[in-house]
PDB file of N, CA and C in Angstrom:
ATOM      1  N   MET A   1      19.233  -3.870   0.428  1.00  0.00           N
ATOM      2  CA  MET A   1      18.013  -3.272   0.151  1.00  0.00           C
ATOM      3  C   MET A   1      17.290  -3.652  -0.949  1.00  0.00           C
ATOM      4  N   GLN A   2      16.053  -3.666  -1.023  1.00  0.00           N
ATOM      5  CA  GLN A   2      15.182  -4.058  -2.241  1.00  0.00           C
ATOM      6  C   GLN A   2      14.312  -2.830  -2.313  1.00  0.00           C
ATOM      7  N   ARG A   3      13.832  -2.498  -3.676  1.00  0.00           N
ATOM      8  CA  ARG A   3      12.957  -1.548  -3.969  1.00  0.00           C
ATOM      9  C   ARG A   3      11.909  -2.258  -4.729  1.00  0.00           C
ATOM     10  N   TYR A   4      10.450  -1.876  -4.286  1.00  0.00           N
ATOM     11  CA  TYR A   4       9.311  -2.390  -4.914  1.00  0.00           C
ATOM     12  C   TYR A   4       8.589  -1.327  -5.385  1.00  0.00           C
ATOM     13  N   CYS A   5       7.865  -1.418  -6.404  1.00  0.00           N
ATOM     14  CA  CYS A   5       6.865  -0.438  -6.940  1.00  0.00           C
ATOM     15  C   CYS A   5       5.416  -1.132  -7.094  1.00  0.00           C
ATOM     16  N   LEU A   6       4.273  -0.669  -6.422  1.00  0.00           N
ATOM     17  CA  LEU A   6       3.065  -1.160  -6.678  1.00  0.00           C
ATOM     18  C   LEU A   6       2.041  -0.195  -6.941  1.00  0.00           C
ATOM     19  N   THR A   7       0.951  -0.702  -7.557  1.00  0.00           N
ATOM     20  CA  THR A   7      -0.007   0.197  -8.068  1.00  0.00           C
ATOM     21  C   THR A   7      -1.404  -0.259  -7.520  1.00  0.00           C
ATOM     22  N   LEU A   8      -2.433   0.689  -7.472  1.00  0.00           N
ATOM     23  CA  LEU A   8      -3.764   0.472  -7.073  1.00  0.00           C
ATOM     24  C   LEU A   8      -4.632   1.725  -7.464  1.00  0.00           C
ATOM     25  N   ASP A   9      -5.794   1.271  -7.880  1.00  0.00           N
ATOM     26  CA  ASP A   9      -6.829   2.277  -8.371  1.00  0.00           C
ATOM     27  C   ASP A   9      -7.739   2.767  -6.945  1.00  0.00           C
ATOM     28  N   LEU A  10      -8.119   4.097  -7.249  1.00  0.00           N
ATOM     29  CA  LEU A  10      -9.216   4.541  -6.212  1.00  0.00           C
ATOM     30  C   LEU A  10     -10.509   4.553  -6.817  1.00  0.00           C
ATOM     31  N   GLN A  11     -11.609   4.441  -5.858  1.00  0.00           N
ATOM     32  CA  GLN A  11     -12.924   4.611  -6.554  1.00  0.00           C
ATOM     33  C   GLN A  11     -13.091   5.954  -7.383  1.00  0.00           C
ATOM     34  N   ASP A  12     -13.842   5.906  -8.260  1.00  0.00           N
ATOM     35  CA  ASP A  12     -14.029   6.960  -9.278  1.00  0.00           C
ATOM     36  C   ASP A  12     -15.047   8.106  -8.581  1.00  0.00           C
ATOM     37  N   ASP A  13     -14.662   8.753  -7.359  1.00  0.00           N
ATOM     38  CA  ASP A  13     -15.350   9.607  -6.616  1.00  0.00           C
ATOM     39  C   ASP A  13     -14.524  10.677  -5.889  1.00  0.00           C
ATOM     40  N   PRO A  14     -14.577  11.796  -6.587  1.00  0.00           N
ATOM     41  CA  PRO A  14     -13.672  12.916  -6.059  1.00  0.00           C
ATOM     42  C   PRO A  14     -13.600  12.977  -4.399  1.00  0.00           C
ATOM     43  N   TYR A  15     -14.843  13.023  -3.931  1.00  0.00           N
ATOM     44  CA  TYR A  15     -14.905  13.136  -2.371  1.00  0.00           C
ATOM     45  C   TYR A  15     -14.197  12.021  -1.816  1.00  0.00           C
ATOM     46  N   LEU A  16     -14.339  10.684  -2.214  1.00  0.00           N
ATOM     47  CA  LEU A  16     -13.531   9.561  -1.643  1.00  0.00           C
ATOM     48  C   LEU A  16     -12.040   9.674  -1.841  1.00  0.00           C
ATOM     49  N   VAL A  17     -11.700   9.987  -2.942  1.00  0.00           N
ATOM     50  CA  VAL A  17     -10.272  10.301  -3.164  1.00  0.00           C
ATOM     51  C   VAL A  17      -9.675  11.337  -2.303  1.00  0.00           C
ATOM     52  N   GLU A  18     -10.444  12.533  -1.976  1.00  0.00           N
ATOM     53  CA  GLU A  18      -9.885  13.535  -1.217  1.00  0.00           C
ATOM     54  C   GLU A  18      -9.894  13.025   0.376  1.00  0.00           C
ATOM     55  N   GLN A  19     -10.947  12.165   0.691  1.00  0.00           N
ATOM     56  CA  GLN A  19     -10.713  11.573   1.985  1.00  0.00           C
ATOM     57  C   GLN A  19      -9.548  10.643   2.200  1.00  0.00           C
ATOM     58  N   TYR A  20      -9.343   9.814   1.046  1.00  0.00           N
ATOM     59  CA  TYR A  20      -8.136   8.825   1.041  1.00  0.00           C
ATOM     60  C   TYR A  20      -6.987   9.601   1.381  1.00  0.00           C
ATOM     61  N   ILE A  21      -6.803  10.803   0.613  1.00  0.00           N
ATOM     62  CA  ILE A  21      -5.668  11.383   0.754  1.00  0.00           C
ATOM     63  C   ILE A  21      -5.458  12.064   2.078  1.00  0.00           C
ATOM     64  N   ARG A  22      -6.588  12.670   2.709  1.00  0.00           N
ATOM     65  CA  ARG A  22      -6.433  13.055   4.133  1.00  0.00           C
ATOM     66  C   ARG A  22      -6.113  11.996   5.187  1.00  0.00           C
ATOM     67  N   TYR A  23      -6.462  10.761   4.936  1.00  0.00           N
ATOM     68  CA  TYR A  23      -6.187   9.651   5.874  1.00  0.00           C
ATOM     69  C   TYR A  23      -4.664   9.572   5.760  1.00  0.00           C
ATOM     70  N   HIS A  24      -3.992   9.883   4.625  1.00  0.00           N
ATOM     71  CA  HIS A  24      -2.647   9.435   4.487  1.00  0.00           C
ATOM     72  C   HIS A  24      -1.756  10.628   4.832  1.00  0.00           C
ATOM     73  N   GLN A  25      -2.399  11.650   5.153  1.00  0.00           N
ATOM     74  CA  GLN A  25      -1.574  12.851   5.700  1.00  0.00           C
ATOM     75  C   GLN A  25      -1.564  12.773   7.218  1.00  0.00           C
ATOM     76  N   ASP A  26      -2.202  11.618   7.892  1.00  0.00           N
ATOM     77  CA  ASP A  26      -2.219  11.456   9.259  1.00  0.00           C
ATOM     78  C   ASP A  26      -2.589  10.135   9.331  1.00  0.00           C
ATOM     79  N   VAL A  27      -1.399   9.287   9.018  1.00  0.00           N
ATOM     80  CA  VAL A  27      -1.708   7.699   9.237  1.00  0.00           C
ATOM     81  C   VAL A  27      -1.573   7.457  10.569  1.00  0.00           C
ATOM     82  N   TRP A  28      -2.345   6.594  11.087  1.00  0.00           N
ATOM     83  CA  TRP A  28      -2.346   6.042  12.449  1.00  0.00           C
ATOM     84  C   TRP A  28      -1.018   5.506  13.014  1.00  0.00           C
ATOM     85  N   PRO A  29      -0.633   5.807  14.067  1.00  0.00           N
ATOM     86  CA  PRO A  29       0.627   5.550  14.522  1.00  0.00           C
ATOM     87  C   PRO A  29       0.923   4.024  14.369  1.00  0.00           C
ATOM     88  N   GLU A  30      -0.010   3.267  14.869  1.00  0.00           N
ATOM     89  CA  GLU A  30       0.092   1.746  14.949  1.00  0.00           C
ATOM     90  C   GLU A  30       0.393   1.306  13.472  1.00  0.00           C
ATOM     91  N   ILE A  31      -0.199   1.987  12.489  1.00  0.00           N
ATOM     92  CA  ILE A  31       0.059   1.457  11.131  1.00  0.00           C
ATOM     93  C   ILE A  31       1.437   1.663  10.820  1.00  0.00           C
ATOM     94  N   LEU A  32       1.912   2.921  11.024  1.00  0.00           N
ATOM     95  CA  LEU A  32       3.523   3.226  10.688  1.00  0.00           C
ATOM     96  C   LEU A  32       4.350   2.291  11.393  1.00  0.00           C
ATOM     97  N   GLU A  33       3.912   2.036  12.732  1.00  0.00           N
ATOM     98  CA  GLU A  33       4.950   0.883  13.538  1.00  0.00           C
ATOM     99  C   GLU A  33       4.946  -0.335  12.748  1.00  0.00           C
ATOM    100  N   SER A  34       3.594  -0.825  12.281  1.00  0.00           N
ATOM    101  CA  SER A  34       3.531  -2.125  11.635  1.00  0.00           C
ATOM    102  C   SER A  34       4.301  -2.121  10.314  1.00  0.00           C
ATOM    103  N   ILE A  35       4.206  -1.033   9.551  1.00  0.00           N
ATOM    104  CA  ILE A  35       5.119  -0.848   8.290  1.00  0.00           C
ATOM    105  C   ILE A  35       6.531  -1.031   8.621  1.00  0.00           C
ATOM    106  N   ARG A  36       6.989  -0.416   9.550  1.00  0.00           N
ATOM    107  CA  ARG A  36       8.386  -0.297   9.912  1.00  0.00           C
ATOM    108  C   ARG A  36       8.767  -1.549  10.398  1.00  0.00           C
ATOM    109  N   SER A  37       8.082  -2.262  11.278  1.00  0.00           N
ATOM    110  CA  SER A  37       8.588  -3.465  11.972  1.00  0.00           C
ATOM    111  C   SER A  37       8.551  -4.763  11.004  1.00  0.00           C
ATOM    112  N   SER A  38       7.862  -4.605   9.802  1.00  0.00           N
ATOM    113  CA  SER A  38       7.832  -5.712   8.825  1.00  0.00           C
ATOM    114  C   SER A  38       9.110  -5.666   7.879  1.00  0.00           C
ATOM    115  N   GLY A  39       9.991  -4.621   8.112  1.00  0.00           N
ATOM    116  CA  GLY A  39      11.246  -4.481   7.367  1.00  0.00           C
ATOM    117  C   GLY A  39      11.224  -3.468   6.125  1.00  0.00           C
ATOM    118  N   ILE A  40      10.049  -2.717   6.352  1.00  0.00           N
ATOM    119  CA  ILE A  40       9.975  -1.680   5.092  1.00  0.00           C
ATOM    120  C   ILE A  40      10.613  -0.372   5.814  1.00  0.00           C
ATOM    121  N   THR A  41      11.736   0.183   5.150  1.00  0.00           N
ATOM    122  CA  THR A  41      12.537   1.333   5.639  1.00  0.00           C
ATOM    123  C   THR A  41      12.249   2.576   4.973  1.00  0.00           C
ATOM    124  N   GLY A  42      11.423   2.572   3.922  1.00  0.00           N
ATOM    125  CA  GLY A  42      11.053   3.687   3.268  1.00  0.00           C
ATOM    126  C   GLY A  42       9.747   3.473   2.310  1.00  0.00           C
ATOM    127  N   MET A  43       8.709   4.509   2.425  1.00  0.00           N
ATOM    128  CA  MET A  43       7.605   4.260   1.601  1.00  0.00           C
ATOM    129  C   MET A  43       7.346   5.723   1.144  1.00  0.00           C
ATOM    130  N   GLN A  44       6.789   5.788  -0.271  1.00  0.00           N
ATOM    131  CA  GLN A  44       6.064   6.948  -0.699  1.00  0.00           C
ATOM    132  C   GLN A  44       4.967   6.375  -1.563  1.00  0.00           C
ATOM    133  N   ILE A  45       3.834   7.214  -1.668  1.00  0.00           N
ATOM    134  CA  ILE A  45       2.738   6.810  -2.362  1.00  0.00           C
ATOM    135  C   ILE A  45       2.446   8.267  -3.211  1.00  0.00           C
ATOM    136  N   TYR A  46       2.388   8.060  -4.432  1.00  0.00           N
ATOM    137  CA  TYR A  46       2.101   9.014  -5.491  1.00  0.00           C
ATOM    138  C   TYR A  46       0.585   8.854  -5.996  1.00  0.00           C
ATOM    139  N   HIS A  47      -0.071   9.748  -6.281  1.00  0.00           N
ATOM    140  CA  HIS A  47      -1.392   9.939  -6.791  1.00  0.00           C
ATOM    141  C   HIS A  47      -1.477  10.720  -8.164  1.00  0.00           C
ATOM    142  N   TYR A  48      -2.316  10.103  -9.129  1.00  0.00           N
ATOM    143  CA  TYR A  48      -2.648  10.648 -10.200  1.00  0.00           C
ATOM    144  C   TYR A  48      -4.023  10.330 -10.758  1.00  0.00           C
ATOM    145  N   ASP A  49      -4.944  11.060 -10.824  1.00  0.00           N
ATOM    146  CA  ASP A  49      -6.352  10.939 -11.361  1.00  0.00           C
ATOM    147  C   ASP A  49      -6.947   9.587 -11.061  1.00  0.00           C
ATOM    148  N   GLY A  50      -6.878   9.139  -9.678  1.00  0.00           N
ATOM    149  CA  GLY A  50      -7.494   7.931  -9.419  1.00  0.00           C
ATOM    150  C   GLY A  50      -6.531   6.780  -9.297  1.00  0.00           C
ATOM    151  N   ARG A  51      -5.299   6.922  -9.461  1.00  0.00           N
ATOM    152  CA  ARG A  51      -4.411   5.819  -9.835  1.00  0.00           C
ATOM    153  C   ARG A  51      -3.233   6.165  -8.522  1.00  0.00           C
ATOM    154  N   LEU A  52      -2.942   5.206  -7.987  1.00  0.00           N
ATOM    155  CA  LEU A  52      -1.774   5.231  -6.850  1.00  0.00           C
ATOM    156  C   LEU A  52      -0.616   4.379  -7.191  1.00  0.00           C
ATOM    157  N   MET A  53       0.658   4.887  -6.932  1.00  0.00           N
ATOM    158  CA  MET A  53       1.868   4.366  -7.078  1.00  0.00           C
ATOM    159  C   MET A  53       2.528   4.247  -5.736  1.00  0.00           C
ATOM    160  N   MET A  54       2.956   3.164  -5.318  1.00  0.00           N
ATOM    161  CA  MET A  54       3.711   2.993  -4.145  1.00  0.00           C
ATOM    162  C   MET A  54       5.162   2.670  -4.316  1.00  0.00           C
ATOM    163  N   ILE A  55       6.136   3.206  -3.731  1.00  0.00           N
ATOM    164  CA  ILE A  55       7.407   2.862  -3.773  1.00  0.00           C
ATOM    165  C   ILE A  55       7.919   2.525  -2.514  1.00  0.00           C
ATOM    166  N   MET A  56       8.289   1.274  -2.311  1.00  0.00           N
ATOM    167  CA  MET A  56       8.710   0.688  -1.026  1.00  0.00           C
ATOM    168  C   MET A  56      10.174   0.417  -1.070  1.00  0.00           C
ATOM    169  N   GLU A  57      10.921   0.795  -0.058  1.00  0.00           N
ATOM    170  CA  GLU A  57      12.320   0.321   0.185  1.00  0.00           C
ATOM    171  C   GLU A  57      12.311  -0.600   1.412  1.00  0.00           C
ATOM    172  N   THR A  58      13.151  -1.754   1.438  1.00  0.00           N
ATOM    173  CA  THR A  58      12.915  -2.717   2.345  1.00  0.00           C
ATOM    174  C   THR A  58      14.267  -3.184   2.679  1.00  0.00           C
ATOM    175  N   ASN A  59      14.336  -3.698   4.048  1.00  0.00           N
ATOM    176  CA  ASN A  59      15.680  -4.392   4.183  1.00  0.00           C
ATOM    177  C   ASN A  59      15.746  -5.725   3.731  1.00  0.00           C
ATOM    178  N   ASP A  60      16.776  -6.678   3.949  1.00  0.00           N
ATOM    179  CA  ASP A  60      17.017  -7.714   3.295  1.00  0.00           C
ATOM    180  C   ASP A  60      16.077  -8.687   3.846  1.00  0.00           C
ATOM    181  N   ASP A  61      15.532  -8.528   5.091  1.00  0.00           N
ATOM    182  CA  ASP A  61      14.693  -9.580   5.871  1.00  0.00           C
ATOM    183  C   ASP A  61      13.148  -9.624   5.309  1.00  0.00           C
ATOM    184  N   PHE A  62      12.875  -8.444   4.513  1.00  0.00           N
ATOM    185  CA  PHE A  62      11.388  -8.181   4.168  1.00  0.00           C
ATOM    186  C   PHE A  62      10.913  -9.367   3.251  1.00  0.00           C
ATOM    187  N   SER A  63       9.682  -9.754   3.456  1.00  0.00           N
ATOM    188  CA  SER A  63       9.049 -10.593   2.526  1.00  0.00           C
ATOM    189  C   SER A  63       7.578 -10.169   2.587  1.00  0.00           C
ATOM    190  N   PHE A  64       6.933 -10.254   1.390  1.00  0.00           N
ATOM    191  CA  PHE A  64       5.388 -10.019   1.339  1.00  0.00           C
ATOM    192  C   PHE A  64       4.478 -10.896   2.214  1.00  0.00           C
ATOM    193  N   GLU A  65       5.138 -12.163   2.177  1.00  0.00           N
ATOM    194  CA  GLU A  65       4.400 -13.167   2.812  1.00  0.00           C
ATOM    195  C   GLU A  65       4.506 -13.016   4.445  1.00  0.00           C
ATOM    196  N   ARG A  66       5.582 -12.584   5.006  1.00  0.00           N
ATOM    197  CA  ARG A  66       5.737 -12.440   6.257  1.00  0.00           C
ATOM    198  C   ARG A  66       4.898 -11.110   6.701  1.00  0.00           C
ATOM    199  N   LYS A  67       4.959 -10.134   5.740  1.00  0.00           N
ATOM    200  CA  LYS A  67       4.081  -8.825   6.109  1.00  0.00           C
ATOM    201  C   LYS A  67       2.622  -9.132   6.041  1.00  0.00           C
ATOM    202  N   ALA A  68       2.130 -10.068   5.206  1.00  0.00           N
ATOM    203  CA  ALA A  68       0.834 -10.425   5.203  1.00  0.00           C
ATOM    204  C   ALA A  68       0.435 -11.244   6.426  1.00  0.00           C
ATOM    205  N   ALA A  69       1.289 -11.901   6.935  1.00  0.00           N
ATOM    206  CA  ALA A  69       1.007 -12.677   8.127  1.00  0.00           C
ATOM    207  C   ALA A  69       1.153 -11.890   9.294  1.00  0.00           C
ATOM    208  N   MET A  70       1.825 -10.896   9.386  1.00  0.00           N
ATOM    209  CA  MET A  70       1.937  -9.815  10.456  1.00  0.00           C
ATOM    210  C   MET A  70       0.699  -9.010  10.476  1.00  0.00           C
ATOM    211  N   ASP A  71       0.139  -8.704   9.335  1.00  0.00           N
ATOM    212  CA  ASP A  71      -1.053  -7.808   9.087  1.00  0.00           C
ATOM    213  C   ASP A  71      -2.279  -8.673   9.659  1.00  0.00           C
ATOM    214  N   ALA A  72      -2.229  -9.837   9.096  1.00  0.00           N
ATOM    215  CA  ALA A  72      -3.539 -10.805   9.452  1.00  0.00           C
ATOM    216  C   ALA A  72      -3.683 -10.979  10.875  1.00  0.00           C
ATOM    217  N   SER A  73      -2.672 -10.788  11.731  1.00  0.00           N
ATOM    218  CA  SER A  73      -2.658 -11.145  13.225  1.00  0.00           C
ATOM    219  C   SER A  73      -2.745  -9.665  13.969  1.00  0.00           C
ATOM    220  N   ASN A  74      -2.916  -8.676  13.143  1.00  0.00           N
ATOM    221  CA  ASN A  74      -2.789  -7.314  13.804  1.00  0.00           C
ATOM    222  C   ASN A  74      -4.190  -6.583  13.779  1.00  0.00           C
ATOM    223  N   GLU A  75      -5.066  -6.511  14.727  1.00  0.00           N
ATOM    224  CA  GLU A  75      -6.419  -5.920  14.878  1.00  0.00           C
ATOM    225  C   GLU A  75      -6.326  -4.496  14.171  1.00  0.00           C
ATOM    226  N   THR A  76      -5.451  -3.691  14.507  1.00  0.00           N
ATOM    227  CA  THR A  76      -5.486  -2.382  14.037  1.00  0.00           C
ATOM    228  C   THR A  76      -5.273  -2.272  12.480  1.00  0.00           C
ATOM    229  N   VAL A  77      -4.244  -3.071  11.997  1.00  0.00           N
ATOM    230  CA  VAL A  77      -4.075  -3.179  10.763  1.00  0.00           C
ATOM    231  C   VAL A  77      -5.355  -3.644   9.986  1.00  0.00           C
ATOM    232  N   GLN A  78      -6.049  -4.523  10.502  1.00  0.00           N
ATOM    233  CA  GLN A  78      -7.248  -5.129   9.923  1.00  0.00           C
ATOM    234  C   GLN A  78      -8.241  -4.186   9.761  1.00  0.00           C
ATOM    235  N   GLU A  79      -8.343  -3.260  10.858  1.00  0.00           N
ATOM    236  CA  GLU A  79      -9.236  -2.127  10.831  1.00  0.00           C
ATOM    237  C   GLU A  79      -9.070  -1.025   9.882  1.00  0.00           C
ATOM    238  N   TRP A  80      -7.669  -0.731   9.826  1.00  0.00           N
ATOM    239  CA  TRP A  80      -7.289   0.226   8.613  1.00  0.00           C
ATOM    240  C   TRP A  80      -7.514  -0.342   7.296  1.00  0.00           C
ATOM    241  N   GLU A  81      -7.120  -1.547   7.013  1.00  0.00           N
ATOM    242  CA  GLU A  81      -7.316  -2.100   5.651  1.00  0.00           C
ATOM    243  C   GLU A  81      -8.918  -2.131   5.209  1.00  0.00           C
ATOM    244  N   GLU A  82      -9.671  -2.402   6.429  1.00  0.00           N
ATOM    245  CA  GLU A  82     -10.986  -2.434   6.021  1.00  0.00           C
ATOM    246  C   GLU A  82     -11.687  -1.201   5.737  1.00  0.00           C
ATOM    247  N   LEU A  83     -11.065  -0.135   6.360  1.00  0.00           N
ATOM    248  CA  LEU A  83     -11.391   1.275   6.215  1.00  0.00           C
ATOM    249  C   LEU A  83     -11.076   1.752   4.812  1.00  0.00           C
ATOM    250  N   MET A  84      -9.723   1.331   4.468  1.00  0.00           N
ATOM    251  CA  MET A  84      -9.129   1.799   3.064  1.00  0.00           C
ATOM    252  C   MET A  84      -9.827   1.125   1.906  1.00  0.00           C
ATOM    253  N   TRP A  85     -10.483  -0.018   2.062  1.00  0.00           N
ATOM    254  CA  TRP A  85     -11.241  -0.637   0.968  1.00  0.00           C
ATOM    255  C   TRP A  85     -12.411   0.290   0.534  1.00  0.00           C
ATOM    256  N   LYS A  86     -12.953   0.996   1.378  1.00  0.00           N
ATOM    257  CA  LYS A  86     -13.916   2.048   1.046  1.00  0.00           C
ATOM    258  C   LYS A  86     -13.533   2.922  -0.097  1.00  0.00           C
ATOM    259  N   PHE A  87     -12.294   3.287  -0.182  1.00  0.00           N
ATOM    260  CA  PHE A  87     -11.612   4.091  -1.070  1.00  0.00           C
ATOM    261  C   PHE A  87     -10.990   3.533  -2.205  1.00  0.00           C
ATOM    262  N   GLN A  88     -10.614   2.089  -1.984  1.00  0.00           N
ATOM    263  CA  GLN A  88      -9.762   1.428  -3.261  1.00  0.00           C
ATOM    264  C   GLN A  88     -10.710   0.542  -3.863  1.00  0.00           C
ATOM    265  N   LYS A  89     -10.124   0.297  -5.072  1.00  0.00           N
ATOM    266  CA  LYS A  89     -10.719  -0.669  -6.026  1.00  0.00           C
ATOM    267  C   LYS A  89      -9.849  -1.504  -6.838  1.00  0.00           C
ATOM    268  N   PRO A  90      -9.932  -2.948  -6.855  1.00  0.00           N
ATOM    269  CA  PRO A  90      -8.868  -3.666  -7.408  1.00  0.00           C
ATOM    270  C   PRO A  90      -8.591  -3.328  -8.991  1.00  0.00           C
ATOM    271  N   LEU A  91      -7.431  -3.744  -9.311  1.00  0.00           N
ATOM    272  CA  LEU A  91      -7.105  -3.419 -10.721  1.00  0.00           C
ATOM    273  C   LEU A  91      -7.460  -4.599 -11.530  1.00  0.00           C
ATOM    274  N   PRO A  92      -7.808  -4.434 -12.789  1.00  0.00           N
ATOM    275  CA  PRO A  92      -8.126  -5.600 -13.669  1.00  0.00           C
ATOM    276  C   PRO A  92      -7.104  -6.731 -13.502  1.00  0.00           C
ATOM    277  N   GLY A  93      -7.578  -7.816 -13.242  1.00  0.00           N
ATOM    278  CA  GLY A  93      -6.723  -9.035 -13.165  1.00  0.00           C
ATOM    279  C   GLY A  93      -6.083  -9.361 -11.810  1.00  0.00           C
ATOM    280  N   ALA A  94      -6.761  -8.561 -10.779  1.00  0.00           N
ATOM    281  CA  ALA A  94      -6.443  -8.729  -9.534  1.00  0.00           C
ATOM    282  C   ALA A  94      -7.245 -10.019  -8.998  1.00  0.00           C
ATOM    283  N   LYS A  95      -6.542 -10.776  -8.130  1.00  0.00           N
ATOM    284  CA  LYS A  95      -7.418 -11.828  -7.499  1.00  0.00           C
ATOM    285  C   LYS A  95      -8.331 -11.334  -6.453  1.00  0.00           C
ATOM    286  N   PRO A  96      -9.509 -11.978  -6.252  1.00  0.00           N
ATOM    287  CA  PRO A  96     -10.331 -11.536  -4.960  1.00  0.00           C
ATOM    288  C   PRO A  96      -9.575 -11.121  -3.669  1.00  0.00           C
ATOM    289  N   GLY A  97      -9.648  -9.984  -3.173  1.00  0.00           N
ATOM    290  CA  GLY A  97      -9.104  -9.438  -1.859  1.00  0.00           C
ATOM    291  C   GLY A  97      -7.693  -8.786  -2.353  1.00  0.00           C
ATOM    292  N   GLU A  98      -7.211  -8.823  -3.546  1.00  0.00           N
ATOM    293  CA  GLU A  98      -5.850  -8.323  -3.742  1.00  0.00           C
ATOM    294  C   GLU A  98      -6.145  -6.894  -3.937  1.00  0.00           C
ATOM    295  N   LYS A  99      -5.138  -6.196  -3.474  1.00  0.00           N
ATOM    296  CA  LYS A  99      -5.309  -4.536  -3.755  1.00  0.00           C
ATOM    297  C   LYS A  99      -3.985  -4.214  -4.407  1.00  0.00           C
ATOM    298  N   TRP A 100      -2.975  -3.874  -3.601  1.00  0.00           N
ATOM    299  CA  TRP A 100      -1.670  -3.217  -4.152  1.00  0.00           C
ATOM    300  C   TRP A 100      -1.094  -4.446  -5.126  1.00  0.00           C
ATOM    301  N   MET A 101      -0.890  -4.142  -6.420  1.00  0.00           N
ATOM    302  CA  MET A 101      -0.314  -4.933  -7.488  1.00  0.00           C
ATOM    303  C   MET A 101       1.140  -4.728  -7.618  1.00  0.00           C
ATOM    304  N   ARG A 102       2.026  -5.648  -7.435  1.00  0.00           N
ATOM    305  CA  ARG A 102       3.470  -5.237  -7.793  1.00  0.00           C
ATOM    306  C   ARG A 102       3.686  -5.085  -9.252  1.00  0.00           C
ATOM    307  N   MET A 103       4.393  -4.022  -9.451  1.00  0.00           N
ATOM    308  CA  MET A 103       4.783  -3.838 -10.908  1.00  0.00           C
ATOM    309  C   MET A 103       6.099  -4.286 -11.258  1.00  0.00           C
ATOM    310  N   GLU A 104       6.280  -4.512 -12.519  1.00  0.00           N
ATOM    311  CA  GLU A 104       7.632  -5.190 -12.974  1.00  0.00           C
ATOM    312  C   GLU A 104       8.421  -3.909 -13.460  1.00  0.00           C
ATOM    313  N   LYS A 105       9.625  -3.938 -13.068  1.00  0.00           N
ATOM    314  CA  LYS A 105      10.633  -3.007 -13.507  1.00  0.00           C
ATOM    315  C   LYS A 105      10.999  -3.315 -15.058  1.00  0.00           C
ATOM    316  N   ILE A 106      10.907  -2.441 -15.870  1.00  0.00           N
ATOM    317  CA  ILE A 106      11.324  -2.804 -17.388  1.00  0.00           C
ATOM    318  C   ILE A 106      12.452  -1.896 -17.813  1.00  0.00           C
ATOM    319  N   PHE A 107      12.886  -0.881 -16.813  1.00  0.00           N
ATOM    320  CA  PHE A 107      13.869   0.228 -17.401  1.00  0.00           C
ATOM    321  C   PHE A 107      14.630   0.626 -16.119  1.00  0.00           C
ATOM    322  N   GLU A 108      15.842   0.718 -16.245  1.00  0.00           N
ATOM    323  CA  GLU A 108      16.700   1.632 -15.167  1.00  0.00           C
ATOM    324  C   GLU A 108      17.684   2.317 -15.824  1.00  0.00           C
ATOM    325  N   LEU A 109      17.792   3.726 -15.552  1.00  0.00           N
ATOM    326  CA  LEU A 109      18.912   4.531 -15.869  1.00  0.00           C
ATOM    327  C   LEU A 109      20.201   4.482 -14.953  1.00  0.00           C
ATOM    328  N   ASP A 110      21.275   3.926 -15.133  1.00  0.00           N
ATOM    329  CA  ASP A 110      22.330   4.010 -14.235  1.00  0.00           C
ATOM    330  C   ASP A 110      23.098   5.238 -14.306  1.00  0.00           C
TER     331      ASP A 110
END
């Protein structure tokens, strides 16, 4: 199992933030299936003042490249991602089209 932590900012608009949270209280079933079929075994998203943090647990077969390829060929995922862009904004330093940025673990308490 691998664990990844990613971050993303939301638009600076309380109404859009509220809508984004509502979408994530009732995620489309096809999106959940896409997440699971990519090798993601657990996922949590946390929110604070316009910033999101996602924790993903994955199986050993998971790769970000494979997930991106699967998403690119899935019309429903593309529809969801286009909808989510309305609420999200890239972090400083993100390349064009990049959303969720992988965070580097700098500490762990055993």
